[in-house]
Amino acid sequence: MEVLIGSVVRSKAGRDKGDLFIVLAREGDYAYLANGELRKVDRPKKKKLKHLQGSGKVSEFIQNKLETVGKVTNSEVRKALAEIGG
C-alpha cells in the first residue's frame, strides 16, 4: 500500500507502536508524521516506510491544505484523525 501525503498510518515499530499518525511529507524511504498531540506539526516524527502500516484512508482536507498552503495546525491534524478513526 502506498503512503501518500495526508494518509493515516499506524506505527508498526518503536515506542510509538500502534499509534495513528498523518503523513505530512515524504522523502525517499522516510515519512514525516504528526498526530497533533505528542508529535506536533512543527517537530514531525521521521520514520522509515517499512515501519508503517497504511490504513487505506486519506484525509483529503489535510492533503489539500498541505498542497495549497504548505502547512497545517496541530488542531487540524487531531480533528482529521478523530474523524477518520483515531
PDB file of N, CA and C in Angstrom:
ATOM      1  N   MET A   1       0.842  -1.176   0.000  1.00  0.00           N
ATOM      2  CA  MET A   1       0.000   0.000   0.000  1.00  0.00           C
ATOM      3  C   MET A   1       0.891   1.244   0.000  1.00  0.00           C
ATOM      4  N   GLU A   2       0.590   2.146  -0.872  1.00  0.00           N
ATOM      5  CA  GLU A   2       1.390   3.355  -0.997  1.00  0.00           C
ATOM      6  C   GLU A   2       1.018   4.365   0.090  1.00  0.00           C
ATOM      7  N   VAL A   3       2.042   4.996   0.637  1.00  0.00           N
ATOM      8  CA  VAL A   3       1.845   6.003   1.669  1.00  0.00           C
ATOM      9  C   VAL A   3       1.923   7.373   1.013  1.00  0.00           C
ATOM     10  N   LEU A   4       0.801   8.081   0.990  1.00  0.00           N
ATOM     11  CA  LEU A   4       0.709   9.394   0.366  1.00  0.00           C
ATOM     12  C   LEU A   4       0.667  10.473   1.433  1.00  0.00           C
ATOM     13  N   ILE A   5       0.914  11.710   1.017  1.00  0.00           N
ATOM     14  CA  ILE A   5       0.760  12.834   1.931  1.00  0.00           C
ATOM     15  C   ILE A   5      -0.716  12.940   2.303  1.00  0.00           C
ATOM     16  N   GLY A   6      -0.988  13.034   3.583  1.00  0.00           N
ATOM     17  CA  GLY A   6      -2.359  13.072   4.074  1.00  0.00           C
ATOM     18  C   GLY A   6      -2.900  11.714   4.487  1.00  0.00           C
ATOM     19  N   SER A   7      -2.123  10.639   4.238  1.00  0.00           N
ATOM     20  CA  SER A   7      -2.556   9.296   4.608  1.00  0.00           C
ATOM     21  C   SER A   7      -2.529   9.110   6.117  1.00  0.00           C
ATOM     22  N   VAL A   8      -3.445   8.305   6.593  1.00  0.00           N
ATOM     23  CA  VAL A   8      -3.433   7.900   8.001  1.00  0.00           C
ATOM     24  C   VAL A   8      -2.697   6.574   8.076  1.00  0.00           C
ATOM     25  N   VAL A   9      -1.678   6.526   8.930  1.00  0.00           N
ATOM     26  CA  VAL A   9      -0.854   5.322   9.064  1.00  0.00           C
ATOM     27  C   VAL A   9      -0.742   4.937  10.532  1.00  0.00           C
ATOM     28  N   ARG A  10      -0.414   3.674  10.760  1.00  0.00           N
ATOM     29  CA  ARG A  10      -0.183   3.152  12.106  1.00  0.00           C
ATOM     30  C   ARG A  10       1.274   2.723  12.199  1.00  0.00           C
ATOM     31  N   SER A  11       1.899   3.059  13.300  1.00  0.00           N
ATOM     32  CA  SER A  11       3.291   2.692  13.532  1.00  0.00           C
ATOM     33  C   SER A  11       3.379   1.212  13.870  1.00  0.00           C
ATOM     34  N   LYS A  12       4.300   0.488  13.221  1.00  0.00           N
ATOM     35  CA  LYS A  12       4.492  -0.930  13.480  1.00  0.00           C
ATOM     36  C   LYS A  12       5.683  -1.204  14.385  1.00  0.00           C
ATOM     37  N   ALA A  13       6.519  -0.203  14.650  1.00  0.00           N
ATOM     38  CA  ALA A  13       7.723  -0.425  15.442  1.00  0.00           C
ATOM     39  C   ALA A  13       8.086   0.829  16.224  1.00  0.00           C
ATOM     40  N   GLY A  14       8.817   0.622  17.299  1.00  0.00           N
ATOM     41  CA  GLY A  14       9.272   1.739  18.111  1.00  0.00           C
ATOM     42  C   GLY A  14       8.387   1.963  19.318  1.00  0.00           C
ATOM     43  N   ARG A  15       8.727   2.972  20.099  1.00  0.00           N
ATOM     44  CA  ARG A  15       7.951   3.229  21.317  1.00  0.00           C
ATOM     45  C   ARG A  15       6.554   3.752  21.008  1.00  0.00           C
ATOM     46  N   ASP A  16       6.336   4.213  19.776  1.00  0.00           N
ATOM     47  CA  ASP A  16       5.010   4.685  19.370  1.00  0.00           C
ATOM     48  C   ASP A  16       4.211   3.603  18.638  1.00  0.00           C
ATOM     49  N   LYS A  17       4.606   2.336  18.804  1.00  0.00           N
ATOM     50  CA  LYS A  17       3.961   1.214  18.117  1.00  0.00           C
ATOM     51  C   LYS A  17       2.460   1.209  18.396  1.00  0.00           C
ATOM     52  N   GLY A  18       1.681   1.129  17.321  1.00  0.00           N
ATOM     53  CA  GLY A  18       0.229   1.085  17.435  1.00  0.00           C
ATOM     54  C   GLY A  18      -0.453   2.436  17.341  1.00  0.00           C
ATOM     55  N   ASP A  19       0.305   3.519  17.407  1.00  0.00           N
ATOM     56  CA  ASP A  19      -0.274   4.858  17.354  1.00  0.00           C
ATOM     57  C   ASP A  19      -0.598   5.260  15.920  1.00  0.00           C
ATOM     58  N   LEU A  20      -1.640   6.086  15.766  1.00  0.00           N
ATOM     59  CA  LEU A  20      -2.029   6.608  14.458  1.00  0.00           C
ATOM     60  C   LEU A  20      -1.378   7.967  14.215  1.00  0.00           C
ATOM     61  N   PHE A  21      -0.968   8.185  12.970  1.00  0.00           N
ATOM     62  CA  PHE A  21      -0.351   9.432  12.562  1.00  0.00           C
ATOM     63  C   PHE A  21      -0.882   9.820  11.197  1.00  0.00           C
ATOM     64  N   ILE A  22      -0.669  11.082  10.826  1.00  0.00           N
ATOM     65  CA  ILE A  22      -0.937  11.551   9.471  1.00  0.00           C
ATOM     66  C   ILE A  22       0.398  11.896   8.834  1.00  0.00           C
ATOM     67  N   VAL A  23       0.570  11.488   7.580  1.00  0.00           N
ATOM     68  CA  VAL A  23       1.804  11.753   6.849  1.00  0.00           C
ATOM     69  C   VAL A  23       1.782  13.199   6.372  1.00  0.00           C
ATOM     70  N   LEU A  24       2.792  13.961   6.791  1.00  0.00           N
ATOM     71  CA  LEU A  24       2.900  15.366   6.390  1.00  0.00           C
ATOM     72  C   LEU A  24       3.794  15.539   5.176  1.00  0.00           C
ATOM     73  N   ALA A  25       4.786  14.656   5.032  1.00  0.00           N
ATOM     74  CA  ALA A  25       5.718  14.754   3.905  1.00  0.00           C
ATOM     75  C   ALA A  25       6.400  13.400   3.718  1.00  0.00           C
ATOM     76  N   ARG A  26       6.976  13.218   2.546  1.00  0.00           N
ATOM     77  CA  ARG A  26       7.775  12.023   2.243  1.00  0.00           C
ATOM     78  C   ARG A  26       9.103  12.456   1.672  1.00  0.00           C
ATOM     79  N   GLU A  27      10.132  11.681   1.998  1.00  0.00           N
ATOM     80  CA  GLU A  27      11.477  11.955   1.494  1.00  0.00           C
ATOM     81  C   GLU A  27      12.185  10.618   1.341  1.00  0.00           C
ATOM     82  N   GLY A  28      12.220  10.110   0.129  1.00  0.00           N
ATOM     83  CA  GLY A  28      12.856   8.814  -0.113  1.00  0.00           C
ATOM     84  C   GLY A  28      12.115   7.695   0.602  1.00  0.00           C
ATOM     85  N   ASP A  29      12.847   6.957   1.460  1.00  0.00           N
ATOM     86  CA  ASP A  29      12.263   5.852   2.214  1.00  0.00           C
ATOM     87  C   ASP A  29      11.706   6.289   3.562  1.00  0.00           C
ATOM     88  N   TYR A  30      11.559   7.581   3.772  1.00  0.00           N
ATOM     89  CA  TYR A  30      11.095   8.102   5.045  1.00  0.00           C
ATOM     90  C   TYR A  30       9.806   8.897   4.878  1.00  0.00           C
ATOM     91  N   ALA A  31       9.025   8.912   5.955  1.00  0.00           N
ATOM     92  CA  ALA A  31       7.827   9.749   6.021  1.00  0.00           C
ATOM     93  C   ALA A  31       7.927  10.604   7.273  1.00  0.00           C
ATOM     94  N   TYR A  32       7.383  11.802   7.209  1.00  0.00           N
ATOM     95  CA  TYR A  32       7.330  12.703   8.363  1.00  0.00           C
ATOM     96  C   TYR A  32       5.906  12.696   8.888  1.00  0.00           C
ATOM     97  N   LEU A  33       5.750  12.319  10.162  1.00  0.00           N
ATOM     98  CA  LEU A  33       4.448  12.056  10.743  1.00  0.00           C
ATOM     99  C   LEU A  33       4.135  12.988  11.903  1.00  0.00           C
ATOM    100  N   ALA A  34       2.853  13.241  12.102  1.00  0.00           N
ATOM    101  CA  ALA A  34       2.392  14.019  13.255  1.00  0.00           C
ATOM    102  C   ALA A  34       1.020  13.509  13.664  1.00  0.00           C
ATOM    103  N   ASN A  35       0.736  13.642  14.963  1.00  0.00           N
ATOM    104  CA  ASN A  35      -0.608  13.320  15.442  1.00  0.00           C
ATOM    105  C   ASN A  35      -1.244  14.505  16.160  1.00  0.00           C
ATOM    106  N   GLY A  36      -0.515  15.599  16.286  1.00  0.00           N
ATOM    107  CA  GLY A  36      -1.062  16.807  16.879  1.00  0.00           C
ATOM    108  C   GLY A  36      -1.055  16.832  18.391  1.00  0.00           C
ATOM    109  N   GLU A  37      -0.690  15.713  19.033  1.00  0.00           N
ATOM    110  CA  GLU A  37      -0.654  15.658  20.493  1.00  0.00           C
ATOM    111  C   GLU A  37       0.789  15.517  20.967  1.00  0.00           C
ATOM    112  N   LEU A  38       1.281  14.295  21.011  1.00  0.00           N
ATOM    113  CA  LEU A  38       2.666  14.087  21.436  1.00  0.00           C
ATOM    114  C   LEU A  38       3.660  14.454  20.342  1.00  0.00           C
ATOM    115  N   ARG A  39       3.285  14.224  19.109  1.00  0.00           N
ATOM    116  CA  ARG A  39       4.150  14.548  17.979  1.00  0.00           C
ATOM    117  C   ARG A  39       3.511  15.695  17.231  1.00  0.00           C
ATOM    118  N   LYS A  40       4.047  16.888  17.459  1.00  0.00           N
ATOM    119  CA  LYS A  40       3.470  18.119  16.901  1.00  0.00           C
ATOM    120  C   LYS A  40       3.886  18.326  15.447  1.00  0.00           C
ATOM    121  N   VAL A  41       3.171  19.214  14.783  1.00  0.00           N
ATOM    122  CA  VAL A  41       3.410  19.509  13.373  1.00  0.00           C
ATOM    123  C   VAL A  41       4.761  20.196  13.162  1.00  0.00           C
ATOM    124  N   ASP A  42       5.173  21.021  14.125  1.00  0.00           N
ATOM    125  CA  ASP A  42       6.443  21.734  13.962  1.00  0.00           C
ATOM    126  C   ASP A  42       7.656  20.835  14.212  1.00  0.00           C
ATOM    127  N   ARG A  43       7.470  19.652  14.799  1.00  0.00           N
ATOM    128  CA  ARG A  43       8.544  18.677  15.002  1.00  0.00           C
ATOM    129  C   ARG A  43       8.035  17.285  14.637  1.00  0.00           C
ATOM    130  N   PRO A  44       7.813  17.027  13.340  1.00  0.00           N
ATOM    131  CA  PRO A  44       7.252  15.731  12.941  1.00  0.00           C
ATOM    132  C   PRO A  44       8.240  14.591  13.150  1.00  0.00           C
ATOM    133  N   LYS A  45       7.702  13.392  13.328  1.00  0.00           N
ATOM    134  CA  LYS A  45       8.498  12.184  13.511  1.00  0.00           C
ATOM    135  C   LYS A  45       8.967  11.693  12.151  1.00  0.00           C
ATOM    136  N   LYS A  46      10.275  11.469  12.011  1.00  0.00           N
ATOM    137  CA  LYS A  46      10.829  10.903  10.784  1.00  0.00           C
ATOM    138  C   LYS A  46      10.888   9.395  10.986  1.00  0.00           C
ATOM    139  N   LYS A  47      10.182   8.650  10.136  1.00  0.00           N
ATOM    140  CA  LYS A  47      10.086   7.209  10.309  1.00  0.00           C
ATOM    141  C   LYS A  47      10.202   6.506   8.968  1.00  0.00           C
ATOM    142  N   LYS A  48      10.890   5.364   8.956  1.00  0.00           N
ATOM    143  CA  LYS A  48      11.031   4.587   7.726  1.00  0.00           C
ATOM    144  C   LYS A  48       9.679   4.020   7.307  1.00  0.00           C
ATOM    145  N   LEU A  49       9.477   3.958   6.003  1.00  0.00           N
ATOM    146  CA  LEU A  49       8.203   3.469   5.467  1.00  0.00           C
ATOM    147  C   LEU A  49       7.950   2.015   5.856  1.00  0.00           C
ATOM    148  N   LYS A  50       9.000   1.220   6.006  1.00  0.00           N
ATOM    149  CA  LYS A  50       8.811  -0.187   6.350  1.00  0.00           C
ATOM    150  C   LYS A  50       8.280  -0.359   7.771  1.00  0.00           C
ATOM    151  N   HIS A  51       8.346   0.687   8.591  1.00  0.00           N
ATOM    152  CA  HIS A  51       7.833   0.633   9.954  1.00  0.00           C
ATOM    153  C   HIS A  51       6.427   1.209  10.067  1.00  0.00           C
ATOM    154  N   LEU A  52       5.781   1.433   8.920  1.00  0.00           N
ATOM    155  CA  LEU A  52       4.435   1.992   8.893  1.00  0.00           C
ATOM    156  C   LEU A  52       3.463   1.029   8.240  1.00  0.00           C
ATOM    157  N   GLN A  53       2.250   1.035   8.733  1.00  0.00           N
ATOM    158  CA  GLN A  53       1.171   0.253   8.139  1.00  0.00           C
ATOM    159  C   GLN A  53       0.090   1.217   7.678  1.00  0.00           C
ATOM    160  N   GLY A  54      -0.173   1.219   6.385  1.00  0.00           N
ATOM    161  CA  GLY A  54      -1.192   2.106   5.844  1.00  0.00           C
ATOM    162  C   GLY A  54      -2.586   1.652   6.243  1.00  0.00           C
ATOM    163  N   SER A  55      -3.475   2.592   6.474  1.00  0.00           N
ATOM    164  CA  SER A  55      -4.851   2.259   6.841  1.00  0.00           C
ATOM    165  C   SER A  55      -5.772   2.277   5.626  1.00  0.00           C
ATOM    166  N   GLY A  56      -5.267   2.800   4.520  1.00  0.00           N
ATOM    167  CA  GLY A  56      -6.100   2.921   3.329  1.00  0.00           C
ATOM    168  C   GLY A  56      -6.976   4.159   3.345  1.00  0.00           C
ATOM    169  N   LYS A  57      -6.825   4.986   4.376  1.00  0.00           N
ATOM    170  CA  LYS A  57      -7.633   6.198   4.500  1.00  0.00           C
ATOM    171  C   LYS A  57      -6.747   7.417   4.305  1.00  0.00           C
ATOM    172  N   VAL A  58      -7.303   8.422   3.648  1.00  0.00           N
ATOM    173  CA  VAL A  58      -6.573   9.662   3.398  1.00  0.00           C
ATOM    174  C   VAL A  58      -7.454  10.823   3.845  1.00  0.00           C
ATOM    175  N   SER A  59      -6.863  11.749   4.575  1.00  0.00           N
ATOM    176  CA  SER A  59      -7.575  12.966   4.960  1.00  0.00           C
ATOM    177  C   SER A  59      -7.446  13.953   3.804  1.00  0.00           C
ATOM    178  N   GLU A  60      -8.529  14.108   3.072  1.00  0.00           N
ATOM    179  CA  GLU A  60      -8.497  14.993   1.910  1.00  0.00           C
ATOM    180  C   GLU A  60      -8.282  16.445   2.325  1.00  0.00           C
ATOM    181  N   PHE A  61      -8.814  16.831   3.486  1.00  0.00           N
ATOM    182  CA  PHE A  61      -8.628  18.196   3.972  1.00  0.00           C
ATOM    183  C   PHE A  61      -7.143  18.481   4.220  1.00  0.00           C
ATOM    184  N   ILE A  62      -6.467  17.574   4.913  1.00  0.00           N
ATOM    185  CA  ILE A  62      -5.035  17.746   5.208  1.00  0.00           C
ATOM    186  C   ILE A  62      -4.236  17.725   3.911  1.00  0.00           C
ATOM    187  N   GLN A  63      -4.547  16.795   3.040  1.00  0.00           N
ATOM    188  CA  GLN A  63      -3.843  16.674   1.762  1.00  0.00           C
ATOM    189  C   GLN A  63      -3.965  17.957   0.950  1.00  0.00           C
ATOM    190  N   ASN A  64      -5.177  18.487   0.823  1.00  0.00           N
ATOM    191  CA  ASN A  64      -5.394  19.715   0.053  1.00  0.00           C
ATOM    192  C   ASN A  64      -4.717  20.912   0.697  1.00  0.00           C
ATOM    193  N   LYS A  65      -4.794  21.013   2.012  1.00  0.00           N
ATOM    194  CA  LYS A  65      -4.196  22.157   2.693  1.00  0.00           C
ATOM    195  C   LYS A  65      -2.670  22.133   2.572  1.00  0.00           C
ATOM    196  N   LEU A  66      -2.057  20.949   2.673  1.00  0.00           N
ATOM    197  CA  LEU A  66      -0.603  20.855   2.520  1.00  0.00           C
ATOM    198  C   LEU A  66      -0.173  21.215   1.104  1.00  0.00           C
ATOM    199  N   GLU A  67      -0.980  20.851   0.109  1.00  0.00           N
ATOM    200  CA  GLU A  67      -0.641  21.175  -1.277  1.00  0.00           C
ATOM    201  C   GLU A  67      -0.799  22.655  -1.575  1.00  0.00           C
ATOM    202  N   THR A  68      -1.818  23.286  -0.994  1.00  0.00           N
ATOM    203  CA  THR A  68      -2.069  24.696  -1.302  1.00  0.00           C
ATOM    204  C   THR A  68      -1.314  25.643  -0.374  1.00  0.00           C
ATOM    205  N   VAL A  69      -1.501  25.502   0.919  1.00  0.00           N
ATOM    206  CA  VAL A  69      -0.900  26.414   1.892  1.00  0.00           C
ATOM    207  C   VAL A  69       0.517  25.982   2.270  1.00  0.00           C
ATOM    208  N   GLY A  70       0.720  24.678   2.394  1.00  0.00           N
ATOM    209  CA  GLY A  70       2.044  24.170   2.737  1.00  0.00           C
ATOM    210  C   GLY A  70       2.218  23.794   4.187  1.00  0.00           C
ATOM    211  N   LYS A  71       1.210  24.111   5.034  1.00  0.00           N
ATOM    212  CA  LYS A  71       1.297  23.703   6.425  1.00  0.00           C
ATOM    213  C   LYS A  71      -0.089  23.566   7.032  1.00  0.00           C
ATOM    214  N   VAL A  72      -0.154  22.791   8.116  1.00  0.00           N
ATOM    215  CA  VAL A  72      -1.395  22.577   8.839  1.00  0.00           C
ATOM    216  C   VAL A  72      -1.134  22.829  10.321  1.00  0.00           C
ATOM    217  N   THR A  73      -2.204  22.931  11.084  1.00  0.00           N
ATOM    218  CA  THR A  73      -2.054  23.133  12.521  1.00  0.00           C
ATOM    219  C   THR A  73      -2.262  21.815  13.262  1.00  0.00           C
ATOM    220  N   ASN A  74      -1.826  21.797  14.515  1.00  0.00           N
ATOM    221  CA  ASN A  74      -1.989  20.598  15.337  1.00  0.00           C
ATOM    222  C   ASN A  74      -3.462  20.264  15.545  1.00  0.00           C
ATOM    223  N   SER A  75      -4.291  21.276  15.722  1.00  0.00           N
ATOM    224  CA  SER A  75      -5.718  21.018  15.930  1.00  0.00           C
ATOM    225  C   SER A  75      -6.368  20.419  14.676  1.00  0.00           C
ATOM    226  N   GLU A  76      -5.926  20.836  13.502  1.00  0.00           N
ATOM    227  CA  GLU A  76      -6.458  20.263  12.256  1.00  0.00           C
ATOM    228  C   GLU A  76      -6.052  18.791  12.122  1.00  0.00           C
ATOM    229  N   VAL A  77      -4.828  18.462  12.520  1.00  0.00           N
ATOM    230  CA  VAL A  77      -4.369  17.073  12.468  1.00  0.00           C
ATOM    231  C   VAL A  77      -5.167  16.227  13.459  1.00  0.00           C
ATOM    232  N   ARG A  78      -5.364  16.731  14.679  1.00  0.00           N
ATOM    233  CA  ARG A  78      -6.140  15.987  15.685  1.00  0.00           C
ATOM    234  C   ARG A  78      -7.571  15.767  15.208  1.00  0.00           C
ATOM    235  N   LYS A  79      -8.162  16.801  14.630  1.00  0.00           N
ATOM    236  CA  LYS A  79      -9.536  16.708  14.137  1.00  0.00           C
ATOM    237  C   LYS A  79      -9.639  15.687  13.007  1.00  0.00           C
ATOM    238  N   ALA A  80      -8.683  15.696  12.082  1.00  0.00           N
ATOM    239  CA  ALA A  80      -8.701  14.750  10.966  1.00  0.00           C
ATOM    240  C   ALA A  80      -8.554  13.314  11.462  1.00  0.00           C
ATOM    241  N   LEU A  81      -7.676  13.081  12.433  1.00  0.00           N
ATOM    242  CA  LEU A  81      -7.513  11.740  12.990  1.00  0.00           C
ATOM    243  C   LEU A  81      -8.769  11.283  13.701  1.00  0.00           C
ATOM    244  N   ALA A  82      -9.420  12.183  14.424  1.00  0.00           N
ATOM    245  CA  ALA A  82     -10.652  11.827  15.128  1.00  0.00           C
ATOM    246  C   ALA A  82     -11.777  11.473  14.154  1.00  0.00           C
ATOM    247  N   GLU A  83     -11.871  12.222  13.054  1.00  0.00           N
ATOM    248  CA  GLU A  83     -12.922  11.958  12.058  1.00  0.00           C
ATOM    249  C   GLU A  83     -12.691  10.644  11.327  1.00  0.00           C
ATOM    250  N   ILE A  84     -11.429  10.325  11.064  1.00  0.00           N
ATOM    251  CA  ILE A  84     -11.120   9.127  10.279  1.00  0.00           C
ATOM    252  C   ILE A  84     -11.128   7.871  11.129  1.00  0.00           C
ATOM    253  N   GLY A  85     -10.907   8.018  12.406  1.00  0.00           N
ATOM    254  CA  GLY A  85     -10.974   6.816  13.250  1.00  0.00           C
ATOM    255  C   GLY A  85      -9.840   6.709  14.235  1.00  0.00           C
ATOM    256  N   GLY A  86      -9.296   7.817  14.672  1.00  0.00           N
ATOM    257  CA  GLY A  86      -8.197   7.776  15.623  1.00  0.00           C
ATOM    258  C   GLY A  86      -8.721   7.987  16.994  1.00  0.00           C
TER     259      GLY A  86
END
